[in-house]
Amino acid sequence: MGRVTERRRTLRIRDGAVSSRADTLVAEEPLEIRLNGKPLAITMRTPGDDFALAAGFLVSEGVIAEGGEVRSIVYCAGATADGVNTYNVVDVRLAPGVVVPDITLERNVYTTSSCGLCGKASLDAVRTTTRHPVGDAPPVRLTPELLAALPDRLRAAQKVFDRTGGLHAAALFSEEGELLDVREDVGRHNAVDKLVGRALTDGRLPLSRAVLLVSGRASFELAQKAVMAGIPVLAAVSAPSSLAVDLAAESGLTLVGFLRGPSMNVYAGEHRIALEAEARRG
């Protein structure tokens, strides 16, 4: 298994003073995900929670929706020509009877960068493949004060970020603001996949009463992953993309951006935000 952090020599310049020292950096390595022995996707990730990452990726792709649909997840032995296991290739074997969808190269490109398909096709693809539609009944209700407290709770749980300053994070919170799980990775999408994959193996899907918080912007891909896992609320400390807002509005997802202290923008699903009557009129 690769290390989460690595040391590299750096030339340090501070106020004209020059020194040499080792710096702690977050590790980044490729992970190839295979499905029933066939290559499916490659993602750059921080080593760790690789099985959860692979499972979460398959949930977001609509391949699986329940833990019982997975027979096994293993590292591929002899991943290199000389037979050395790099721990950078995992194979997910589906349970007997689980239908393997026809996932083409075009779909792989679409899931990583939203290229190759127009906005409407992207929205339609999520709507038609999700098996955990957003449907919290009664709806989750969150006060602005509760939402405002979540970024600090996420930041306090980022252990590797404290050493490197170079990791994104994603966390799941209960509707009462309790931290349920947190994962770090060089990619926000990987951190979310690790959360969803862990929830899958623990039998907690759909996450119909959870709040997903991400440390950066809210892209279409992250909104897609939230919807595929049945998460009703996605919050981000930075901006959302236009397509993420469109997907949120169409799917019933509550999307909060620019969550910084008491300030935030609610782009969709405002019925889940508990506001005072005076604030509504303002």
C-alpha atoms as a PDB file:
ATOM      1  CA  MET A   1       0.000   0.000   0.000  1.00  0.00           C
ATOM      2  CA  GLY A   2       1.362   3.410  -0.912  1.00  0.00           C
ATOM      3  CA  ARG A   3       1.955   6.003   1.738  1.00  0.00           C
ATOM      4  CA  VAL A   4      -0.454   8.873   2.295  1.00  0.00           C
ATOM      5  CA  THR A   5       2.434  11.351   2.553  1.00  0.00           C
ATOM      6  CA  GLU A   6       5.962  11.539   1.175  1.00  0.00           C
ATOM      7  CA  ARG A   7       9.007  13.703   1.903  1.00  0.00           C
ATOM      8  CA  ARG A   8      10.703  15.859  -0.723  1.00  0.00           C
ATOM      9  CA  ARG A   9      13.623  18.272  -0.525  1.00  0.00           C
ATOM     10  CA  THR A  10      12.695  21.913  -1.027  1.00  0.00           C
ATOM     11  CA  LEU A  11      14.516  25.219  -1.201  1.00  0.00           C
ATOM     12  CA  ARG A  12      12.920  27.487   1.383  1.00  0.00           C
ATOM     13  CA  ILE A  13      13.037  31.267   0.932  1.00  0.00           C
ATOM     14  CA  ARG A  14      11.692  33.473   3.704  1.00  0.00           C
ATOM     15  CA  ASP A  15      12.293  37.229   3.780  1.00  0.00           C
ATOM     16  CA  GLY A  16      15.493  36.832   1.784  1.00  0.00           C
ATOM     17  CA  ALA A  17      16.855  33.992   3.933  1.00  0.00           C
ATOM     18  CA  VAL A  18      17.526  30.761   2.001  1.00  0.00           C
ATOM     19  CA  SER A  19      17.612  27.292   3.527  1.00  0.00           C
ATOM     20  CA  SER A  20      17.179  23.670   2.489  1.00  0.00           C
ATOM     21  CA  ARG A  21      14.730  21.383   4.209  1.00  0.00           C
ATOM     22  CA  ALA A  22      12.454  18.393   3.660  1.00  0.00           C
ATOM     23  CA  ASP A  23       8.777  19.085   3.176  1.00  0.00           C
ATOM     24  CA  THR A  24       5.857  16.736   3.736  1.00  0.00           C
ATOM     25  CA  LEU A  25       3.689  16.345   0.635  1.00  0.00           C
ATOM     26  CA  VAL A  26       0.493  14.451   0.017  1.00  0.00           C
ATOM     27  CA  ALA A  27       1.082  11.325  -2.068  1.00  0.00           C
ATOM     28  CA  GLU A  28      -0.589  11.002  -5.454  1.00  0.00           C
ATOM     29  CA  GLU A  29      -0.679   7.739  -7.393  1.00  0.00           C
ATOM     30  CA  PRO A  30      -2.904   6.264 -10.105  1.00  0.00           C
ATOM     31  CA  LEU A  31      -5.559   3.724  -9.213  1.00  0.00           C
ATOM     32  CA  GLU A  32      -6.927   1.476 -11.947  1.00  0.00           C
ATOM     33  CA  ILE A  33     -10.405   0.140 -11.220  1.00  0.00           C
ATOM     34  CA  ARG A  34     -11.342  -3.101 -12.940  1.00  0.00           C
ATOM     35  CA  LEU A  35     -14.824  -4.595 -13.079  1.00  0.00           C
ATOM     36  CA  ASN A  36     -14.976  -8.386 -13.244  1.00  0.00           C
ATOM     37  CA  GLY A  37     -11.388  -8.368 -14.473  1.00  0.00           C
ATOM     38  CA  LYS A  38     -11.836  -5.774 -17.220  1.00  0.00           C
ATOM     39  CA  PRO A  39     -10.287  -2.269 -16.996  1.00  0.00           C
ATOM     40  CA  LEU A  40     -12.957   0.340 -16.266  1.00  0.00           C
ATOM     41  CA  ALA A  41     -11.352   3.585 -15.109  1.00  0.00           C
ATOM     42  CA  ILE A  42      -8.160   5.194 -13.843  1.00  0.00           C
ATOM     43  CA  THR A  43      -8.156   7.959 -11.265  1.00  0.00           C
ATOM     44  CA  MET A  44      -5.334   9.855  -9.574  1.00  0.00           C
ATOM     45  CA  ARG A  45      -5.801   9.478  -5.842  1.00  0.00           C
ATOM     46  CA  THR A  46      -4.183   9.535  -2.430  1.00  0.00           C
ATOM     47  CA  PRO A  47      -3.517   5.886  -1.445  1.00  0.00           C
ATOM     48  CA  GLY A  48      -5.831   4.583   1.254  1.00  0.00           C
ATOM     49  CA  ASP A  49      -9.478   3.488   1.371  1.00  0.00           C
ATOM     50  CA  ASP A  50      -8.996   2.144  -2.159  1.00  0.00           C
ATOM     51  CA  PHE A  51     -11.723  -0.483  -1.856  1.00  0.00           C
ATOM     52  CA  ALA A  52     -14.186   2.120  -0.608  1.00  0.00           C
ATOM     53  CA  LEU A  53     -13.147   4.435  -3.444  1.00  0.00           C
ATOM     54  CA  ALA A  54     -13.791   1.729  -6.028  1.00  0.00           C
ATOM     55  CA  ALA A  55     -17.157   0.829  -4.529  1.00  0.00           C
ATOM     56  CA  GLY A  56     -18.216   4.463  -4.300  1.00  0.00           C
ATOM     57  CA  PHE A  57     -17.195   5.054  -7.904  1.00  0.00           C
ATOM     58  CA  LEU A  58     -19.416   2.169  -9.010  1.00  0.00           C
ATOM     59  CA  VAL A  59     -22.328   3.600  -7.024  1.00  0.00           C
ATOM     60  CA  SER A  60     -21.917   6.974  -8.710  1.00  0.00           C
ATOM     61  CA  GLU A  61     -21.803   5.194 -12.089  1.00  0.00           C
ATOM     62  CA  GLY A  62     -25.038   3.366 -11.400  1.00  0.00           C
ATOM     63  CA  VAL A  63     -23.357  -0.046 -11.572  1.00  0.00           C
ATOM     64  CA  ILE A  64     -24.256  -1.034  -7.990  1.00  0.00           C
ATOM     65  CA  ALA A  65     -26.542   0.337  -5.306  1.00  0.00           C
ATOM     66  CA  GLU A  66     -26.329  -2.226  -2.490  1.00  0.00           C
ATOM     67  CA  GLY A  67     -23.478  -3.945  -0.693  1.00  0.00           C
ATOM     68  CA  GLY A  68     -24.842  -7.381  -1.561  1.00  0.00           C
ATOM     69  CA  GLU A  69     -24.193  -6.724  -5.247  1.00  0.00           C
ATOM     70  CA  VAL A  70     -20.427  -6.918  -4.637  1.00  0.00           C
ATOM     71  CA  ARG A  71     -18.847 -10.356  -4.289  1.00  0.00           C
ATOM     72  CA  SER A  72     -15.308  -9.153  -3.627  1.00  0.00           C
ATOM     73  CA  ILE A  73     -12.849  -6.302  -4.024  1.00  0.00           C
ATOM     74  CA  VAL A  74      -9.162  -7.232  -4.184  1.00  0.00           C
ATOM     75  CA  TYR A  75      -5.824  -5.806  -5.210  1.00  0.00           C
ATOM     76  CA  CYS A  76      -4.566  -7.431  -8.380  1.00  0.00           C
ATOM     77  CA  ALA A  77      -1.512  -9.586  -7.743  1.00  0.00           C
ATOM     78  CA  GLY A  78       1.346  -9.238 -10.190  1.00  0.00           C
ATOM     79  CA  ALA A  79       0.217  -5.843 -11.417  1.00  0.00           C
ATOM     80  CA  THR A  80       3.585  -5.188 -13.075  1.00  0.00           C
ATOM     81  CA  ALA A  81       5.448  -7.161 -15.732  1.00  0.00           C
ATOM     82  CA  ASP A  82       7.843  -8.578 -13.128  1.00  0.00           C
ATOM     83  CA  GLY A  83       4.988  -9.721 -10.901  1.00  0.00           C
ATOM     84  CA  VAL A  84       5.242  -7.022  -8.236  1.00  0.00           C
ATOM     85  CA  ASN A  85       1.992  -5.883  -6.670  1.00  0.00           C
ATOM     86  CA  THR A  86       1.821  -2.088  -6.879  1.00  0.00           C
ATOM     87  CA  TYR A  87      -1.414  -1.853  -4.874  1.00  0.00           C
ATOM     88  CA  ASN A  88      -2.551   0.532  -7.591  1.00  0.00           C
ATOM     89  CA  VAL A  89      -4.927  -1.874  -9.345  1.00  0.00           C
ATOM     90  CA  VAL A  90      -8.156  -3.141  -7.772  1.00  0.00           C
ATOM     91  CA  ASP A  91     -10.658  -5.577  -9.221  1.00  0.00           C
ATOM     92  CA  VAL A  92     -14.305  -5.458  -8.209  1.00  0.00           C
ATOM     93  CA  ARG A  93     -16.162  -8.726  -8.731  1.00  0.00           C
ATOM     94  CA  LEU A  94     -19.935  -8.456  -8.795  1.00  0.00           C
ATOM     95  CA  ALA A  95     -22.195 -11.009  -7.136  1.00  0.00           C
ATOM     96  CA  PRO A  96     -23.785 -13.704  -9.319  1.00  0.00           C
ATOM     97  CA  GLY A  97     -26.803 -12.391 -11.176  1.00  0.00           C
ATOM     98  CA  VAL A  98     -25.794  -8.729 -11.055  1.00  0.00           C
ATOM     99  CA  VAL A  99     -25.965  -7.342 -14.568  1.00  0.00           C
ATOM    100  CA  VAL A 100     -22.821  -5.593 -15.768  1.00  0.00           C
ATOM    101  CA  PRO A 101     -23.807  -2.485 -17.725  1.00  0.00           C
ATOM    102  CA  ASP A 102     -22.209  -1.596 -21.032  1.00  0.00           C
ATOM    103  CA  ILE A 103     -19.822   1.147 -19.907  1.00  0.00           C
ATOM    104  CA  THR A 104     -18.100   2.629 -22.930  1.00  0.00           C
ATOM    105  CA  LEU A 105     -15.002   4.797 -23.215  1.00  0.00           C
ATOM    106  CA  GLU A 106     -17.246   7.790 -23.841  1.00  0.00           C
ATOM    107  CA  ARG A 107     -19.002   7.208 -20.553  1.00  0.00           C
ATOM    108  CA  ASN A 108     -15.700   7.025 -18.692  1.00  0.00           C
ATOM    109  CA  VAL A 109     -14.684  10.409 -20.119  1.00  0.00           C
ATOM    110  CA  TYR A 110     -18.078  11.854 -19.209  1.00  0.00           C
ATOM    111  CA  THR A 111     -17.886  10.750 -15.603  1.00  0.00           C
ATOM    112  CA  THR A 112     -14.514  12.361 -15.027  1.00  0.00           C
ATOM    113  CA  SER A 113     -14.834  15.650 -16.859  1.00  0.00           C
ATOM    114  CA  SER A 114     -18.361  15.949 -18.268  1.00  0.00           C
ATOM    115  CA  CYS A 115     -16.874  16.067 -21.773  1.00  0.00           C
ATOM    116  CA  GLY A 116     -18.533  14.677 -24.849  1.00  0.00           C
ATOM    117  CA  LEU A 117     -22.136  15.147 -23.754  1.00  0.00           C
ATOM    118  CA  CYS A 118     -24.275  18.245 -23.667  1.00  0.00           C
ATOM    119  CA  GLY A 119     -25.713  19.504 -20.399  1.00  0.00           C
ATOM    120  CA  LYS A 120     -29.188  18.024 -20.952  1.00  0.00           C
ATOM    121  CA  ALA A 121     -27.751  14.598 -21.759  1.00  0.00           C
ATOM    122  CA  SER A 122     -25.668  14.707 -18.580  1.00  0.00           C
ATOM    123  CA  LEU A 123     -28.737  15.503 -16.477  1.00  0.00           C
ATOM    124  CA  ASP A 124     -30.782  12.803 -18.172  1.00  0.00           C
ATOM    125  CA  ALA A 125     -28.053  10.228 -17.581  1.00  0.00           C
ATOM    126  CA  VAL A 126     -28.104  10.809 -13.816  1.00  0.00           C
ATOM    127  CA  ARG A 127     -31.901  10.838 -13.612  1.00  0.00           C
ATOM    128  CA  THR A 128     -32.292   7.567 -15.491  1.00  0.00           C
ATOM    129  CA  THR A 129     -29.548   5.616 -13.713  1.00  0.00           C
ATOM    130  CA  THR A 130     -29.959   6.550 -10.041  1.00  0.00           C
ATOM    131  CA  ARG A 131     -31.504   3.865  -7.846  1.00  0.00           C
ATOM    132  CA  HIS A 132     -31.561   6.071  -4.748  1.00  0.00           C
ATOM    133  CA  PRO A 133     -33.564   9.136  -5.802  1.00  0.00           C
ATOM    134  CA  VAL A 134     -33.479  12.028  -3.368  1.00  0.00           C
ATOM    135  CA  GLY A 135     -36.634  11.523  -1.328  1.00  0.00           C
ATOM    136  CA  ASP A 136     -36.287  12.435   2.336  1.00  0.00           C
ATOM    137  CA  ALA A 137     -39.716  12.278   3.929  1.00  0.00           C
ATOM    138  CA  PRO A 138     -40.171  14.299   5.989  1.00  0.00           C
ATOM    139  CA  PRO A 139     -37.572  16.635   4.463  1.00  0.00           C
ATOM    140  CA  VAL A 140     -34.323  17.245   6.318  1.00  0.00           C
ATOM    141  CA  ARG A 141     -34.493  20.694   7.911  1.00  0.00           C
ATOM    142  CA  LEU A 142     -31.273  22.608   8.595  1.00  0.00           C
ATOM    143  CA  THR A 143     -30.820  26.014  10.155  1.00  0.00           C
ATOM    144  CA  PRO A 144     -28.250  28.417   8.716  1.00  0.00           C
ATOM    145  CA  GLU A 145     -26.522  28.340  12.098  1.00  0.00           C
ATOM    146  CA  LEU A 146     -26.069  24.568  11.909  1.00  0.00           C
ATOM    147  CA  LEU A 147     -24.713  24.772   8.364  1.00  0.00           C
ATOM    148  CA  ALA A 148     -22.335  27.574   9.347  1.00  0.00           C
ATOM    149  CA  ALA A 149     -20.728  25.361  11.990  1.00  0.00           C
ATOM    150  CA  LEU A 150     -19.951  22.445   9.645  1.00  0.00           C
ATOM    151  CA  PRO A 151     -16.810  23.759   7.844  1.00  0.00           C
ATOM    152  CA  ASP A 152     -14.942  24.209  11.131  1.00  0.00           C
ATOM    153  CA  ARG A 153     -15.904  20.686  12.183  1.00  0.00           C
ATOM    154  CA  LEU A 154     -14.646  19.361   8.873  1.00  0.00           C
ATOM    155  CA  ARG A 155     -11.403  21.301   9.131  1.00  0.00           C
ATOM    156  CA  ALA A 156     -10.772  19.995  12.658  1.00  0.00           C
ATOM    157  CA  ALA A 157     -11.049  16.415  11.339  1.00  0.00           C
ATOM    158  CA  GLN A 158      -8.532  16.851   8.473  1.00  0.00           C
ATOM    159  CA  LYS A 159      -5.530  15.075   9.960  1.00  0.00           C
ATOM    160  CA  VAL A 160      -3.418  14.743   6.812  1.00  0.00           C
ATOM    161  CA  PHE A 161      -4.160  18.318   5.701  1.00  0.00           C
ATOM    162  CA  ASP A 162      -2.513  19.547   8.905  1.00  0.00           C
ATOM    163  CA  ARG A 163       0.750  17.933   7.768  1.00  0.00           C
ATOM    164  CA  THR A 164       0.630  18.749   4.061  1.00  0.00           C
ATOM    165  CA  GLY A 165      -1.824  21.563   3.346  1.00  0.00           C
ATOM    166  CA  GLY A 166      -2.539  19.788   0.071  1.00  0.00           C
ATOM    167  CA  LEU A 167      -5.652  17.671   0.471  1.00  0.00           C
ATOM    168  CA  HIS A 168      -9.328  18.082  -0.228  1.00  0.00           C
ATOM    169  CA  ALA A 169     -11.852  16.647   2.174  1.00  0.00           C
ATOM    170  CA  ALA A 170     -15.446  15.479   2.158  1.00  0.00           C
ATOM    171  CA  ALA A 171     -17.563  14.734   5.185  1.00  0.00           C
ATOM    172  CA  LEU A 172     -20.970  13.354   6.019  1.00  0.00           C
ATOM    173  CA  PHE A 173     -22.970  14.971   8.799  1.00  0.00           C
ATOM    174  CA  SER A 174     -26.255  14.017  10.374  1.00  0.00           C
ATOM    175  CA  GLU A 175     -29.159  16.444  10.204  1.00  0.00           C
ATOM    176  CA  GLU A 176     -28.269  17.384  13.788  1.00  0.00           C
ATOM    177  CA  GLY A 177     -24.737  18.368  12.719  1.00  0.00           C
ATOM    178  CA  GLU A 178     -22.943  15.275  14.043  1.00  0.00           C
ATOM    179  CA  LEU A 179     -19.850  14.280  12.053  1.00  0.00           C
ATOM    180  CA  LEU A 180     -20.509  10.787  10.703  1.00  0.00           C
ATOM    181  CA  ASP A 181     -17.473  10.224   8.486  1.00  0.00           C
ATOM    182  CA  VAL A 182     -14.680  12.177   6.810  1.00  0.00           C
ATOM    183  CA  ARG A 183     -12.236  11.264   4.027  1.00  0.00           C
ATOM    184  CA  GLU A 184      -9.313  13.131   2.488  1.00  0.00           C
ATOM    185  CA  ASP A 185      -7.828  12.868  -0.990  1.00  0.00           C
ATOM    186  CA  VAL A 186      -6.044  14.920  -3.635  1.00  0.00           C
ATOM    187  CA  GLY A 187      -9.351  14.867  -5.517  1.00  0.00           C
ATOM    188  CA  ARG A 188     -12.684  15.990  -4.081  1.00  0.00           C
ATOM    189  CA  HIS A 189     -14.454  13.378  -6.197  1.00  0.00           C
ATOM    190  CA  ASN A 190     -12.278  10.617  -4.734  1.00  0.00           C
ATOM    191  CA  ALA A 191     -12.973  11.771  -1.184  1.00  0.00           C
ATOM    192  CA  VAL A 192     -16.710  11.607  -1.883  1.00  0.00           C
ATOM    193  CA  ASP A 193     -16.398   8.163  -3.480  1.00  0.00           C
ATOM    194  CA  LYS A 194     -14.588   6.933  -0.368  1.00  0.00           C
ATOM    195  CA  LEU A 195     -17.447   8.188   1.806  1.00  0.00           C
ATOM    196  CA  VAL A 196     -20.109   6.594  -0.391  1.00  0.00           C
ATOM    197  CA  GLY A 197     -18.174   3.343  -0.741  1.00  0.00           C
ATOM    198  CA  ARG A 198     -17.808   3.046   3.020  1.00  0.00           C
ATOM    199  CA  ALA A 199     -21.527   3.688   3.436  1.00  0.00           C
ATOM    200  CA  LEU A 200     -22.239   0.969   0.868  1.00  0.00           C
ATOM    201  CA  THR A 201     -20.167  -1.666   2.661  1.00  0.00           C
ATOM    202  CA  ASP A 202     -21.695  -0.660   6.004  1.00  0.00           C
ATOM    203  CA  GLY A 203     -25.217  -1.024   4.622  1.00  0.00           C
ATOM    204  CA  ARG A 204     -26.085   2.660   5.045  1.00  0.00           C
ATOM    205  CA  LEU A 205     -27.243   3.504   1.521  1.00  0.00           C
ATOM    206  CA  PRO A 206     -29.228   5.502   0.669  1.00  0.00           C
ATOM    207  CA  LEU A 207     -27.874   8.364   2.788  1.00  0.00           C
ATOM    208  CA  SER A 208     -31.305   9.970   2.871  1.00  0.00           C
ATOM    209  CA  ARG A 209     -30.805  11.908   6.135  1.00  0.00           C
ATOM    210  CA  ALA A 210     -27.207  13.032   5.579  1.00  0.00           C
ATOM    211  CA  VAL A 211     -25.484  16.284   4.644  1.00  0.00           C
ATOM    212  CA  LEU A 212     -22.446  16.111   2.360  1.00  0.00           C
ATOM    213  CA  LEU A 213     -19.857  18.875   2.796  1.00  0.00           C
ATOM    214  CA  VAL A 214     -16.923  19.310   0.407  1.00  0.00           C
ATOM    215  CA  SER A 215     -13.890  21.499   0.960  1.00  0.00           C
ATOM    216  CA  GLY A 216     -13.842  23.189  -2.443  1.00  0.00           C
ATOM    217  CA  ARG A 217     -16.278  23.957  -5.225  1.00  0.00           C
ATOM    218  CA  ALA A 218     -19.401  21.972  -6.079  1.00  0.00           C
ATOM    219  CA  SER A 219     -19.014  20.599  -9.594  1.00  0.00           C
ATOM    220  CA  PHE A 220     -21.593  18.663 -11.596  1.00  0.00           C
ATOM    221  CA  GLU A 221     -19.665  15.495 -10.794  1.00  0.00           C
ATOM    222  CA  LEU A 222     -20.009  16.004  -7.041  1.00  0.00           C
ATOM    223  CA  ALA A 223     -23.701  16.795  -7.351  1.00  0.00           C
ATOM    224  CA  GLN A 224     -24.030  13.603  -9.415  1.00  0.00           C
ATOM    225  CA  LYS A 225     -22.366  11.539  -6.699  1.00  0.00           C
ATOM    226  CA  ALA A 226     -24.628  13.027  -4.033  1.00  0.00           C
ATOM    227  CA  VAL A 227     -27.755  12.270  -6.054  1.00  0.00           C
ATOM    228  CA  MET A 228     -26.641   8.708  -6.848  1.00  0.00           C
ATOM    229  CA  ALA A 229     -26.169   8.032  -3.119  1.00  0.00           C
ATOM    230  CA  GLY A 230     -29.545   9.552  -2.214  1.00  0.00           C
ATOM    231  CA  ILE A 231     -27.973  12.426  -0.271  1.00  0.00           C
ATOM    232  CA  PRO A 232     -30.464  15.317   0.096  1.00  0.00           C
ATOM    233  CA  VAL A 233     -28.036  18.165   0.893  1.00  0.00           C
ATOM    234  CA  LEU A 234     -24.703  19.098  -0.699  1.00  0.00           C
ATOM    235  CA  ALA A 235     -22.778  22.039   0.751  1.00  0.00           C
ATOM    236  CA  ALA A 236     -19.495  23.504  -0.481  1.00  0.00           C
ATOM    237  CA  VAL A 237     -17.212  26.206   0.839  1.00  0.00           C
ATOM    238  CA  SER A 238     -16.745  27.557  -2.681  1.00  0.00           C
ATOM    239  CA  ALA A 239     -18.852  28.104  -5.802  1.00  0.00           C
ATOM    240  CA  PRO A 240     -21.035  25.604  -7.644  1.00  0.00           C
ATOM    241  CA  SER A 241     -21.027  25.196 -11.397  1.00  0.00           C
ATOM    242  CA  SER A 242     -24.104  26.044 -13.459  1.00  0.00           C
ATOM    243  CA  LEU A 243     -24.670  22.397 -14.381  1.00  0.00           C
ATOM    244  CA  ALA A 244     -24.434  21.371 -10.716  1.00  0.00           C
ATOM    245  CA  VAL A 245     -27.218  23.865  -9.952  1.00  0.00           C
ATOM    246  CA  ASP A 246     -29.299  22.516 -12.835  1.00  0.00           C
ATOM    247  CA  LEU A 247     -28.892  18.942 -11.615  1.00  0.00           C
ATOM    248  CA  ALA A 248     -29.746  19.944  -8.046  1.00  0.00           C
ATOM    249  CA  ALA A 249     -32.901  21.731  -9.144  1.00  0.00           C
ATOM    250  CA  GLU A 250     -34.031  18.833 -11.332  1.00  0.00           C
ATOM    251  CA  SER A 251     -33.282  16.082  -8.811  1.00  0.00           C
ATOM    252  CA  GLY A 252     -34.511  17.775  -5.639  1.00  0.00           C
ATOM    253  CA  LEU A 253     -31.030  18.163  -4.141  1.00  0.00           C
ATOM    254  CA  THR A 254     -30.415  21.087  -1.801  1.00  0.00           C
ATOM    255  CA  LEU A 255     -27.245  22.829  -2.991  1.00  0.00           C
ATOM    256  CA  VAL A 256     -25.431  25.340  -0.771  1.00  0.00           C
ATOM    257  CA  GLY A 257     -22.351  27.219  -1.967  1.00  0.00           C
ATOM    258  CA  PHE A 258     -19.934  29.767  -0.519  1.00  0.00           C
ATOM    259  CA  LEU A 259     -20.510  28.326   2.957  1.00  0.00           C
ATOM    260  CA  ARG A 260     -18.210  30.578   4.971  1.00  0.00           C
ATOM    261  CA  GLY A 261     -19.156  31.390   8.518  1.00  0.00           C
ATOM    262  CA  PRO A 262     -22.677  32.797   8.724  1.00  0.00           C
ATOM    263  CA  SER A 263     -22.723  33.568   4.974  1.00  0.00           C
ATOM    264  CA  MET A 264     -23.917  31.143   2.310  1.00  0.00           C
ATOM    265  CA  ASN A 265     -25.838  30.948  -0.961  1.00  0.00           C
ATOM    266  CA  VAL A 266     -28.648  28.434  -1.429  1.00  0.00           C
ATOM    267  CA  TYR A 267     -28.926  27.601  -5.130  1.00  0.00           C
ATOM    268  CA  ALA A 268     -31.570  24.863  -5.036  1.00  0.00           C
ATOM    269  CA  GLY A 269     -33.768  22.998  -2.585  1.00  0.00           C
ATOM    270  CA  GLU A 270     -34.282  25.921  -0.226  1.00  0.00           C
ATOM    271  CA  HIS A 271     -37.264  24.140   1.366  1.00  0.00           C
ATOM    272  CA  ARG A 272     -34.765  22.251   3.546  1.00  0.00           C
ATOM    273  CA  ILE A 273     -33.347  25.465   5.028  1.00  0.00           C
ATOM    274  CA  ALA A 274     -35.176  26.481   8.198  1.00  0.00           C
ATOM    275  CA  LEU A 275     -35.422  30.270   8.101  1.00  0.00           C
ATOM    276  CA  GLU A 276     -37.082  32.714  10.462  1.00  0.00           C
ATOM    277  CA  ALA A 277     -40.122  34.463   9.017  1.00  0.00           C
ATOM    278  CA  GLU A 278     -38.316  37.821   9.114  1.00  0.00           C
ATOM    279  CA  ALA A 279     -35.399  36.443   7.154  1.00  0.00           C
ATOM    280  CA  ARG A 280     -37.751  35.012   4.507  1.00  0.00           C
ATOM    281  CA  ARG A 281     -39.353  38.424   3.989  1.00  0.00           C
ATOM    282  CA  GLY A 282     -35.918  40.073   3.691  1.00  0.00           C
END
